[in-house]
Amino acid sequence: MHGSTMKDAIIGAVNNAFKSISMANMILAETTASVSELKKDPMGTVSAGEGFPVAILNRNQPVFYCVPAKAYEVLMNKLEDMELNAVADARKGQAVVKVKLDAL
């Protein structure tokens, strides 16, 4: 193959690979259940995850995650910590302003 033909073939192969990847869905939980199973026994479905999220599938595709309240609380706390760390990192190096609580 010539230079541009080889380049076009490589680009085509990469594009096809990305198309096939985007069609597949990653399941981000160790436990899965169908929508039907969730309808039949919601609490049993939650319990099956043993405290971790359960991926709920419709026609073998993840449609949502059933996340126990405690796991959701932990997730929200971690997100808040990340947001506060980002604010602290953005302010790193700024001048320190001393404030007296009585002055507020």
PDB file of N, CA and C in Angstrom:
ATOM      1  N   MET A   1       0.831  -1.183   0.000  1.00  0.00           N
ATOM      2  CA  MET A   1       0.000   0.000   0.000  1.00  0.00           C
ATOM      3  C   MET A   1       0.873   1.243   0.000  1.00  0.00           C
ATOM      4  N   HIS A   2       0.370   2.266  -0.621  1.00  0.00           N
ATOM      5  CA  HIS A   2       1.062   3.544  -0.625  1.00  0.00           C
ATOM      6  C   HIS A   2       0.789   4.273   0.677  1.00  0.00           C
ATOM      7  N   GLY A   3       1.544   5.344   0.972  1.00  0.00           N
ATOM      8  CA  GLY A   3       1.438   6.099   2.219  1.00  0.00           C
ATOM      9  C   GLY A   3       0.027   6.520   2.570  1.00  0.00           C
ATOM     10  N   SER A   4      -0.657   7.220   1.650  1.00  0.00           N
ATOM     11  CA  SER A   4      -1.994   7.713   1.987  1.00  0.00           C
ATOM     12  C   SER A   4      -2.999   6.577   2.045  1.00  0.00           C
ATOM     13  N   THR A   5      -2.831   5.545   1.237  1.00  0.00           N
ATOM     14  CA  THR A   5      -3.750   4.411   1.270  1.00  0.00           C
ATOM     15  C   THR A   5      -3.614   3.665   2.587  1.00  0.00           C
ATOM     16  N   MET A   6      -2.399   3.478   3.060  1.00  0.00           N
ATOM     17  CA  MET A   6      -2.154   2.821   4.346  1.00  0.00           C
ATOM     18  C   MET A   6      -2.751   3.655   5.473  1.00  0.00           C
ATOM     19  N   LYS A   7      -2.534   4.958   5.394  1.00  0.00           N
ATOM     20  CA  LYS A   7      -3.066   5.869   6.408  1.00  0.00           C
ATOM     21  C   LYS A   7      -4.591   5.787   6.436  1.00  0.00           C
ATOM     22  N   ASP A   8      -5.229   5.788   5.281  1.00  0.00           N
ATOM     23  CA  ASP A   8      -6.686   5.702   5.198  1.00  0.00           C
ATOM     24  C   ASP A   8      -7.184   4.374   5.766  1.00  0.00           C
ATOM     25  N   ALA A   9      -6.462   3.296   5.495  1.00  0.00           N
ATOM     26  CA  ALA A   9      -6.853   1.978   5.997  1.00  0.00           C
ATOM     27  C   ALA A   9      -6.773   1.943   7.521  1.00  0.00           C
ATOM     28  N   ILE A  10      -5.721   2.544   8.077  1.00  0.00           N
ATOM     29  CA  ILE A  10      -5.556   2.573   9.530  1.00  0.00           C
ATOM     30  C   ILE A  10      -6.662   3.412  10.161  1.00  0.00           C
ATOM     31  N   ILE A  11      -6.919   4.580   9.591  1.00  0.00           N
ATOM     32  CA  ILE A  11      -7.980   5.445  10.113  1.00  0.00           C
ATOM     33  C   ILE A  11      -9.324   4.737  10.046  1.00  0.00           C
ATOM     34  N   GLY A  12      -9.594   4.054   8.953  1.00  0.00           N
ATOM     35  CA  GLY A  12     -10.847   3.304   8.813  1.00  0.00           C
ATOM     36  C   GLY A  12     -10.967   2.210   9.858  1.00  0.00           C
ATOM     37  N   ALA A  13      -9.879   1.493  10.103  1.00  0.00           N
ATOM     38  CA  ALA A  13      -9.898   0.417  11.102  1.00  0.00           C
ATOM     39  C   ALA A  13     -10.136   0.974  12.498  1.00  0.00           C
ATOM     40  N   VAL A  14      -9.497   2.092  12.822  1.00  0.00           N
ATOM     41  CA  VAL A  14      -9.688   2.717  14.136  1.00  0.00           C
ATOM     42  C   VAL A  14     -11.128   3.195  14.285  1.00  0.00           C
ATOM     43  N   ASN A  15     -11.669   3.843  13.255  1.00  0.00           N
ATOM     44  CA  ASN A  15     -13.055   4.309  13.303  1.00  0.00           C
ATOM     45  C   ASN A  15     -14.025   3.152  13.497  1.00  0.00           C
ATOM     46  N   ASN A  16     -13.800   2.044  12.801  1.00  0.00           N
ATOM     47  CA  ASN A  16     -14.665   0.866  12.951  1.00  0.00           C
ATOM     48  C   ASN A  16     -14.569   0.285  14.358  1.00  0.00           C
ATOM     49  N   ALA A  17     -13.360   0.300  14.925  1.00  0.00           N
ATOM     50  CA  ALA A  17     -13.177  -0.209  16.286  1.00  0.00           C
ATOM     51  C   ALA A  17     -13.953   0.645  17.280  1.00  0.00           C
ATOM     52  N   PHE A  18     -13.890   1.974  17.105  1.00  0.00           N
ATOM     53  CA  PHE A  18     -14.617   2.852  18.015  1.00  0.00           C
ATOM     54  C   PHE A  18     -16.122   2.688  17.864  1.00  0.00           C
ATOM     55  N   LYS A  19     -16.606   2.451  16.649  1.00  0.00           N
ATOM     56  CA  LYS A  19     -18.034   2.235  16.452  1.00  0.00           C
ATOM     57  C   LYS A  19     -18.494   0.995  17.203  1.00  0.00           C
ATOM     58  N   SER A  20     -17.701  -0.073  17.132  1.00  0.00           N
ATOM     59  CA  SER A  20     -18.106  -1.301  17.818  1.00  0.00           C
ATOM     60  C   SER A  20     -18.011  -1.137  19.329  1.00  0.00           C
ATOM     61  N   ILE A  21     -17.064  -0.348  19.806  1.00  0.00           N
ATOM     62  CA  ILE A  21     -16.948  -0.101  21.243  1.00  0.00           C
ATOM     63  C   ILE A  21     -18.138   0.708  21.727  1.00  0.00           C
ATOM     64  N   SER A  22     -18.531   1.738  20.984  1.00  0.00           N
ATOM     65  CA  SER A  22     -19.623   2.593  21.438  1.00  0.00           C
ATOM     66  C   SER A  22     -20.959   1.862  21.412  1.00  0.00           C
ATOM     67  N   MET A  23     -21.087   0.808  20.609  1.00  0.00           N
ATOM     68  CA  MET A  23     -22.333   0.051  20.558  1.00  0.00           C
ATOM     69  C   MET A  23     -22.467  -0.857  21.781  1.00  0.00           C
ATOM     70  N   ALA A  24     -21.351  -1.320  22.325  1.00  0.00           N
ATOM     71  CA  ALA A  24     -21.381  -2.166  23.512  1.00  0.00           C
ATOM     72  C   ALA A  24     -21.512  -1.276  24.738  1.00  0.00           C
ATOM     73  N   ASN A  25     -22.162  -1.775  25.763  1.00  0.00           N
ATOM     74  CA  ASN A  25     -22.309  -1.020  26.999  1.00  0.00           C
ATOM     75  C   ASN A  25     -21.482  -1.657  28.089  1.00  0.00           C
ATOM     76  N   MET A  26     -20.726  -0.835  28.784  1.00  0.00           N
ATOM     77  CA  MET A  26     -19.954  -1.318  29.909  1.00  0.00           C
ATOM     78  C   MET A  26     -20.890  -1.428  31.111  1.00  0.00           C
ATOM     79  N   ILE A  27     -20.801  -2.521  31.818  1.00  0.00           N
ATOM     80  CA  ILE A  27     -21.607  -2.701  33.016  1.00  0.00           C
ATOM     81  C   ILE A  27     -20.695  -2.428  34.205  1.00  0.00           C
ATOM     82  N   LEU A  28     -21.055  -1.412  34.975  1.00  0.00           N
ATOM     83  CA  LEU A  28     -20.206  -0.950  36.069  1.00  0.00           C
ATOM     84  C   LEU A  28     -20.669  -1.493  37.425  1.00  0.00           C
ATOM     85  N   ALA A  29     -21.032  -2.755  37.455  1.00  0.00           N
ATOM     86  CA  ALA A  29     -21.434  -3.413  38.697  1.00  0.00           C
ATOM     87  C   ALA A  29     -21.140  -4.902  38.564  1.00  0.00           C
ATOM     88  N   GLU A  30     -20.851  -5.521  39.695  1.00  0.00           N
ATOM     89  CA  GLU A  30     -20.579  -6.956  39.669  1.00  0.00           C
ATOM     90  C   GLU A  30     -21.860  -7.772  39.610  1.00  0.00           C
ATOM     91  N   THR A  31     -22.969  -7.178  40.060  1.00  0.00           N
ATOM     92  CA  THR A  31     -24.243  -7.894  40.108  1.00  0.00           C
ATOM     93  C   THR A  31     -25.208  -7.256  39.118  1.00  0.00           C
ATOM     94  N   THR A  32     -25.947  -8.104  38.408  1.00  0.00           N
ATOM     95  CA  THR A  32     -26.942  -7.602  37.462  1.00  0.00           C
ATOM     96  C   THR A  32     -28.287  -8.274  37.744  1.00  0.00           C
ATOM     97  N   ALA A  33     -29.340  -7.617  37.310  1.00  0.00           N
ATOM     98  CA  ALA A  33     -30.692  -8.175  37.405  1.00  0.00           C
ATOM     99  C   ALA A  33     -31.500  -7.588  36.266  1.00  0.00           C
ATOM    100  N   SER A  34     -32.524  -8.290  35.870  1.00  0.00           N
ATOM    101  CA  SER A  34     -33.402  -7.775  34.822  1.00  0.00           C
ATOM    102  C   SER A  34     -34.466  -6.867  35.435  1.00  0.00           C
ATOM    103  N   VAL A  35     -35.107  -6.087  34.593  1.00  0.00           N
ATOM    104  CA  VAL A  35     -36.212  -5.244  35.042  1.00  0.00           C
ATOM    105  C   VAL A  35     -37.303  -6.135  35.640  1.00  0.00           C
ATOM    106  N   SER A  36     -37.541  -7.276  35.023  1.00  0.00           N
ATOM    107  CA  SER A  36     -38.564  -8.209  35.532  1.00  0.00           C
ATOM    108  C   SER A  36     -38.221  -8.701  36.936  1.00  0.00           C
ATOM    109  N   GLU A  37     -36.946  -9.039  37.158  1.00  0.00           N
ATOM    110  CA  GLU A  37     -36.526  -9.490  38.488  1.00  0.00           C
ATOM    111  C   GLU A  37     -36.706  -8.378  39.516  1.00  0.00           C
ATOM    112  N   LEU A  38     -36.390  -7.159  39.119  1.00  0.00           N
ATOM    113  CA  LEU A  38     -36.548  -6.018  40.019  1.00  0.00           C
ATOM    114  C   LEU A  38     -38.021  -5.827  40.388  1.00  0.00           C
ATOM    115  N   LYS A  39     -38.909  -5.961  39.396  1.00  0.00           N
ATOM    116  CA  LYS A  39     -40.355  -5.815  39.653  1.00  0.00           C
ATOM    117  C   LYS A  39     -40.861  -6.900  40.606  1.00  0.00           C
ATOM    118  N   LYS A  40     -40.375  -8.135  40.417  1.00  0.00           N
ATOM    119  CA  LYS A  40     -40.838  -9.258  41.236  1.00  0.00           C
ATOM    120  C   LYS A  40     -40.391  -9.123  42.689  1.00  0.00           C
ATOM    121  N   ASP A  41     -39.154  -8.711  42.888  1.00  0.00           N
ATOM    122  CA  ASP A  41     -38.585  -8.690  44.245  1.00  0.00           C
ATOM    123  C   ASP A  41     -37.592  -7.536  44.384  1.00  0.00           C
ATOM    124  N   PRO A  42     -38.087  -6.302  44.557  1.00  0.00           N
ATOM    125  CA  PRO A  42     -37.188  -5.142  44.629  1.00  0.00           C
ATOM    126  C   PRO A  42     -36.145  -5.247  45.746  1.00  0.00           C
ATOM    127  N   MET A  43     -36.577  -5.630  46.942  1.00  0.00           N
ATOM    128  CA  MET A  43     -35.634  -5.699  48.061  1.00  0.00           C
ATOM    129  C   MET A  43     -34.644  -6.854  47.895  1.00  0.00           C
ATOM    130  N   GLY A  44     -35.094  -7.944  47.304  1.00  0.00           N
ATOM    131  CA  GLY A  44     -34.191  -9.055  47.029  1.00  0.00           C
ATOM    132  C   GLY A  44     -33.133  -8.663  46.008  1.00  0.00           C
ATOM    133  N   THR A  45     -33.545  -7.844  45.040  1.00  0.00           N
ATOM    134  CA  THR A  45     -32.599  -7.368  44.025  1.00  0.00           C
ATOM    135  C   THR A  45     -31.534  -6.491  44.670  1.00  0.00           C
ATOM    136  N   VAL A  46     -31.964  -5.583  45.538  1.00  0.00           N
ATOM    137  CA  VAL A  46     -31.007  -4.721  46.247  1.00  0.00           C
ATOM    138  C   VAL A  46     -30.083  -5.577  47.102  1.00  0.00           C
ATOM    139  N   SER A  47     -30.640  -6.548  47.807  1.00  0.00           N
ATOM    140  CA  SER A  47     -29.845  -7.418  48.685  1.00  0.00           C
ATOM    141  C   SER A  47     -28.820  -8.239  47.908  1.00  0.00           C
ATOM    142  N   ALA A  48     -29.144  -8.590  46.679  1.00  0.00           N
ATOM    143  CA  ALA A  48     -28.230  -9.393  45.863  1.00  0.00           C
ATOM    144  C   ALA A  48     -26.897  -8.681  45.638  1.00  0.00           C
ATOM    145  N   GLY A  49     -26.910  -7.354  45.674  1.00  0.00           N
ATOM    146  CA  GLY A  49     -25.678  -6.586  45.492  1.00  0.00           C
ATOM    147  C   GLY A  49     -24.814  -6.529  46.726  1.00  0.00           C
ATOM    148  N   GLU A  50     -25.311  -7.027  47.849  1.00  0.00           N
ATOM    149  CA  GLU A  50     -24.556  -7.058  49.109  1.00  0.00           C
ATOM    150  C   GLU A  50     -23.968  -5.702  49.466  1.00  0.00           C
ATOM    151  N   GLY A  51     -24.785  -4.653  49.333  1.00  0.00           N
ATOM    152  CA  GLY A  51     -24.341  -3.309  49.689  1.00  0.00           C
ATOM    153  C   GLY A  51     -23.756  -2.512  48.543  1.00  0.00           C
ATOM    154  N   PHE A  52     -23.593  -3.130  47.397  1.00  0.00           N
ATOM    155  CA  PHE A  52     -23.029  -2.467  46.220  1.00  0.00           C
ATOM    156  C   PHE A  52     -24.117  -2.285  45.161  1.00  0.00           C
ATOM    157  N   PRO A  53     -23.888  -1.404  44.174  1.00  0.00           N
ATOM    158  CA  PRO A  53     -24.893  -1.202  43.121  1.00  0.00           C
ATOM    159  C   PRO A  53     -25.179  -2.469  42.321  1.00  0.00           C
ATOM    160  N   VAL A  54     -26.407  -2.546  41.836  1.00  0.00           N
ATOM    161  CA  VAL A  54     -26.840  -3.640  40.968  1.00  0.00           C
ATOM    162  C   VAL A  54     -27.219  -3.014  39.630  1.00  0.00           C
ATOM    163  N   ALA A  55     -26.642  -3.502  38.546  1.00  0.00           N
ATOM    164  CA  ALA A  55     -26.994  -3.014  37.211  1.00  0.00           C
ATOM    165  C   ALA A  55     -28.313  -3.653  36.804  1.00  0.00           C
ATOM    166  N   ILE A  56     -29.275  -2.823  36.427  1.00  0.00           N
ATOM    167  CA  ILE A  56     -30.566  -3.320  35.981  1.00  0.00           C
ATOM    168  C   ILE A  56     -30.558  -3.325  34.459  1.00  0.00           C
ATOM    169  N   LEU A  57     -30.824  -4.498  33.895  1.00  0.00           N
ATOM    170  CA  LEU A  57     -30.720  -4.690  32.455  1.00  0.00           C
ATOM    171  C   LEU A  57     -32.094  -4.818  31.811  1.00  0.00           C
ATOM    172  N   ASN A  58     -32.205  -4.272  30.621  1.00  0.00           N
ATOM    173  CA  ASN A  58     -33.381  -4.460  29.776  1.00  0.00           C
ATOM    174  C   ASN A  58     -32.863  -4.954  28.439  1.00  0.00           C
ATOM    175  N   ARG A  59     -33.244  -6.167  28.073  1.00  0.00           N
ATOM    176  CA  ARG A  59     -32.737  -6.802  26.852  1.00  0.00           C
ATOM    177  C   ARG A  59     -31.207  -6.836  26.831  1.00  0.00           C
ATOM    178  N   ASN A  60     -30.658  -7.203  27.974  1.00  0.00           N
ATOM    179  CA  ASN A  60     -29.210  -7.351  28.172  1.00  0.00           C
ATOM    180  C   ASN A  60     -28.424  -6.066  28.023  1.00  0.00           C
ATOM    181  N   GLN A  61     -29.081  -4.938  28.142  1.00  0.00           N
ATOM    182  CA  GLN A  61     -28.419  -3.634  28.106  1.00  0.00           C
ATOM    183  C   GLN A  61     -28.675  -2.931  29.433  1.00  0.00           C
ATOM    184  N   PRO A  62     -27.654  -2.354  30.061  1.00  0.00           N
ATOM    185  CA  PRO A  62     -27.887  -1.642  31.323  1.00  0.00           C
ATOM    186  C   PRO A  62     -28.752  -0.405  31.089  1.00  0.00           C
ATOM    187  N   VAL A  63     -29.804  -0.270  31.894  1.00  0.00           N
ATOM    188  CA  VAL A  63     -30.688   0.884  31.768  1.00  0.00           C
ATOM    189  C   VAL A  63     -30.594   1.799  32.979  1.00  0.00           C
ATOM    190  N   PHE A  64     -30.246   1.234  34.135  1.00  0.00           N
ATOM    191  CA  PHE A  64     -29.962   2.056  35.310  1.00  0.00           C
ATOM    192  C   PHE A  64     -29.311   1.196  36.374  1.00  0.00           C
ATOM    193  N   TYR A  65     -28.876   1.857  37.434  1.00  0.00           N
ATOM    194  CA  TYR A  65     -28.239   1.167  38.542  1.00  0.00           C
ATOM    195  C   TYR A  65     -29.087   1.339  39.792  1.00  0.00           C
ATOM    196  N   CYS A  66     -29.301   0.263  40.482  1.00  0.00           N
ATOM    197  CA  CYS A  66     -30.002   0.268  41.758  1.00  0.00           C
ATOM    198  C   CYS A  66     -28.910   0.391  42.827  1.00  0.00           C
ATOM    199  N   VAL A  67     -28.851   1.556  43.460  1.00  0.00           N
ATOM    200  CA  VAL A  67     -27.771   1.841  44.407  1.00  0.00           C
ATOM    201  C   VAL A  67     -28.347   1.917  45.819  1.00  0.00           C
ATOM    202  N   PRO A  68     -27.872   1.071  46.732  1.00  0.00           N
ATOM    203  CA  PRO A  68     -28.349   1.137  48.112  1.00  0.00           C
ATOM    204  C   PRO A  68     -28.064   2.517  48.724  1.00  0.00           C
ATOM    205  N   ALA A  69     -28.910   2.926  49.660  1.00  0.00           N
ATOM    206  CA  ALA A  69     -28.806   4.262  50.256  1.00  0.00           C
ATOM    207  C   ALA A  69     -27.418   4.529  50.840  1.00  0.00           C
ATOM    208  N   LYS A  70     -26.848   3.582  51.551  1.00  0.00           N
ATOM    209  CA  LYS A  70     -25.525   3.780  52.171  1.00  0.00           C
ATOM    210  C   LYS A  70     -24.450   3.989  51.104  1.00  0.00           C
ATOM    211  N   ALA A  71     -24.494   3.206  50.037  1.00  0.00           N
ATOM    212  CA  ALA A  71     -23.519   3.346  48.954  1.00  0.00           C
ATOM    213  C   ALA A  71     -23.680   4.708  48.271  1.00  0.00           C
ATOM    214  N   TYR A  72     -24.925   5.157  48.111  1.00  0.00           N
ATOM    215  CA  TYR A  72     -25.188   6.465  47.499  1.00  0.00           C
ATOM    216  C   TYR A  72     -24.640   7.579  48.385  1.00  0.00           C
ATOM    217  N   GLU A  73     -24.827   7.446  49.694  1.00  0.00           N
ATOM    218  CA  GLU A  73     -24.298   8.437  50.634  1.00  0.00           C
ATOM    219  C   GLU A  73     -22.772   8.521  50.539  1.00  0.00           C
ATOM    220  N   VAL A  74     -22.116   7.373  50.490  1.00  0.00           N
ATOM    221  CA  VAL A  74     -20.650   7.339  50.357  1.00  0.00           C
ATOM    222  C   VAL A  74     -20.227   8.010  49.053  1.00  0.00           C
ATOM    223  N   LEU A  75     -20.934   7.709  47.968  1.00  0.00           N
ATOM    224  CA  LEU A  75     -20.625   8.297  46.664  1.00  0.00           C
ATOM    225  C   LEU A  75     -20.767   9.816  46.699  1.00  0.00           C
ATOM    226  N   MET A  76     -21.850  10.308  47.287  1.00  0.00           N
ATOM    227  CA  MET A  76     -22.070  11.757  47.360  1.00  0.00           C
ATOM    228  C   MET A  76     -21.003  12.435  48.205  1.00  0.00           C
ATOM    229  N   ASN A  77     -20.589  11.797  49.306  1.00  0.00           N
ATOM    230  CA  ASN A  77     -19.520  12.359  50.137  1.00  0.00           C
ATOM    231  C   ASN A  77     -18.208  12.434  49.382  1.00  0.00           C
ATOM    232  N   LYS A  78     -17.902  11.406  48.592  1.00  0.00           N
ATOM    233  CA  LYS A  78     -16.668  11.415  47.803  1.00  0.00           C
ATOM    234  C   LYS A  78     -16.706  12.518  46.743  1.00  0.00           C
ATOM    235  N   LEU A  79     -17.863  12.691  46.100  1.00  0.00           N
ATOM    236  CA  LEU A  79     -17.990  13.755  45.105  1.00  0.00           C
ATOM    237  C   LEU A  79     -17.810  15.124  45.740  1.00  0.00           C
ATOM    238  N   GLU A  80     -18.404  15.321  46.909  1.00  0.00           N
ATOM    239  CA  GLU A  80     -18.250  16.598  47.604  1.00  0.00           C
ATOM    240  C   GLU A  80     -16.786  16.840  47.959  1.00  0.00           C
ATOM    241  N   ASP A  81     -16.096  15.805  48.438  1.00  0.00           N
ATOM    242  CA  ASP A  81     -14.666  15.931  48.755  1.00  0.00           C
ATOM    243  C   ASP A  81     -13.864  16.316  47.520  1.00  0.00           C
ATOM    244  N   MET A  82     -14.190  15.694  46.377  1.00  0.00           N
ATOM    245  CA  MET A  82     -13.468  16.014  45.133  1.00  0.00           C
ATOM    246  C   MET A  82     -13.706  17.464  44.717  1.00  0.00           C
ATOM    247  N   GLU A  83     -14.941  17.930  44.856  1.00  0.00           N
ATOM    248  CA  GLU A  83     -15.259  19.317  44.508  1.00  0.00           C
ATOM    249  C   GLU A  83     -14.512  20.286  45.418  1.00  0.00           C
ATOM    250  N   LEU A  84     -14.491  19.996  46.729  1.00  0.00           N
ATOM    251  CA  LEU A  84     -13.784  20.869  47.666  1.00  0.00           C
ATOM    252  C   LEU A  84     -12.273  20.857  47.401  1.00  0.00           C
ATOM    253  N   ASN A  85     -11.732  19.691  47.056  1.00  0.00           N
ATOM    254  CA  ASN A  85     -10.303  19.618  46.716  1.00  0.00           C
ATOM    255  C   ASN A  85      -9.997  20.434  45.467  1.00  0.00           C
ATOM    256  N   ALA A  86     -10.898  20.420  44.495  1.00  0.00           N
ATOM    257  CA  ALA A  86     -10.693  21.202  43.275  1.00  0.00           C
ATOM    258  C   ALA A  86     -10.690  22.694  43.595  1.00  0.00           C
ATOM    259  N   VAL A  87     -11.579  23.129  44.499  1.00  0.00           N
ATOM    260  CA  VAL A  87     -11.602  24.540  44.914  1.00  0.00           C
ATOM    261  C   VAL A  87     -10.299  24.887  45.626  1.00  0.00           C
ATOM    262  N   ALA A  88      -9.862  24.023  46.524  1.00  0.00           N
ATOM    263  CA  ALA A  88      -8.610  24.267  47.256  1.00  0.00           C
ATOM    264  C   ALA A  88      -7.427  24.324  46.304  1.00  0.00           C
ATOM    265  N   ASP A  89      -7.388  23.405  45.340  1.00  0.00           N
ATOM    266  CA  ASP A  89      -6.293  23.405  44.362  1.00  0.00           C
ATOM    267  C   ASP A  89      -6.300  24.682  43.530  1.00  0.00           C
ATOM    268  N   ALA A  90      -7.496  25.152  43.149  1.00  0.00           N
ATOM    269  CA  ALA A  90      -7.604  26.374  42.347  1.00  0.00           C
ATOM    270  C   ALA A  90      -7.138  27.596  43.132  1.00  0.00           C
ATOM    271  N   ARG A  91      -7.312  27.553  44.440  1.00  0.00           N
ATOM    272  CA  ARG A  91      -6.935  28.698  45.289  1.00  0.00           C
ATOM    273  C   ARG A  91      -5.502  28.620  45.784  1.00  0.00           C
ATOM    274  N   LYS A  92      -4.826  27.523  45.504  1.00  0.00           N
ATOM    275  CA  LYS A  92      -3.446  27.364  45.950  1.00  0.00           C
ATOM    276  C   LYS A  92      -2.598  28.507  45.397  1.00  0.00           C
ATOM    277  N   GLY A  93      -1.816  29.100  46.249  1.00  0.00           N
ATOM    278  CA  GLY A  93      -0.948  30.184  45.807  1.00  0.00           C
ATOM    279  C   GLY A  93      -1.572  31.569  45.926  1.00  0.00           C
ATOM    280  N   GLN A  94      -2.855  31.635  46.227  1.00  0.00           N
ATOM    281  CA  GLN A  94      -3.497  32.942  46.399  1.00  0.00           C
ATOM    282  C   GLN A  94      -3.081  33.532  47.748  1.00  0.00           C
ATOM    283  N   ALA A  95      -3.182  34.834  47.839  1.00  0.00           N
ATOM    284  CA  ALA A  95      -2.834  35.513  49.078  1.00  0.00           C
ATOM    285  C   ALA A  95      -3.799  35.100  50.185  1.00  0.00           C
ATOM    286  N   VAL A  96      -3.279  34.970  51.394  1.00  0.00           N
ATOM    287  CA  VAL A  96      -4.092  34.626  52.539  1.00  0.00           C
ATOM    288  C   VAL A  96      -4.718  35.905  53.090  1.00  0.00           C
ATOM    289  N   VAL A  97      -6.008  35.855  53.358  1.00  0.00           N
ATOM    290  CA  VAL A  97      -6.730  36.988  53.913  1.00  0.00           C
ATOM    291  C   VAL A  97      -7.122  36.615  55.336  1.00  0.00           C
ATOM    292  N   LYS A  98      -6.629  37.377  56.305  1.00  0.00           N
ATOM    293  CA  LYS A  98      -6.958  37.102  57.704  1.00  0.00           C
ATOM    294  C   LYS A  98      -8.267  37.806  58.034  1.00  0.00           C
ATOM    295  N   VAL A  99      -9.130  37.050  58.700  1.00  0.00           N
ATOM    296  CA  VAL A  99     -10.450  37.568  59.064  1.00  0.00           C
ATOM    297  C   VAL A  99     -10.713  37.197  60.524  1.00  0.00           C
ATOM    298  N   LYS A 100     -11.283  38.154  61.265  1.00  0.00           N
ATOM    299  CA  LYS A 100     -11.696  37.877  62.647  1.00  0.00           C
ATOM    300  C   LYS A 100     -13.178  37.552  62.640  1.00  0.00           C
ATOM    301  N   LEU A 101     -13.545  36.492  63.337  1.00  0.00           N
ATOM    302  CA  LEU A 101     -14.946  36.091  63.363  1.00  0.00           C
ATOM    303  C   LEU A 101     -15.852  37.191  63.904  1.00  0.00           C
ATOM    304  N   ASP A 102     -15.366  37.974  64.846  1.00  0.00           N
ATOM    305  CA  ASP A 102     -16.170  39.070  65.389  1.00  0.00           C
ATOM    306  C   ASP A 102     -16.458  40.143  64.338  1.00  0.00           C
ATOM    307  N   ALA A 103     -15.599  40.240  63.337  1.00  0.00           N
ATOM    308  CA  ALA A 103     -15.763  41.249  62.291  1.00  0.00           C
ATOM    309  C   ALA A 103     -16.818  40.841  61.270  1.00  0.00           C
ATOM    310  N   LEU A 104     -17.212  39.603  61.285  1.00  0.00           N
ATOM    311  CA  LEU A 104     -18.207  39.132  60.316  1.00  0.00           C
ATOM    312  C   LEU A 104     -19.540  39.474  60.824  1.00  0.00           C
TER     313      LEU A 104
END
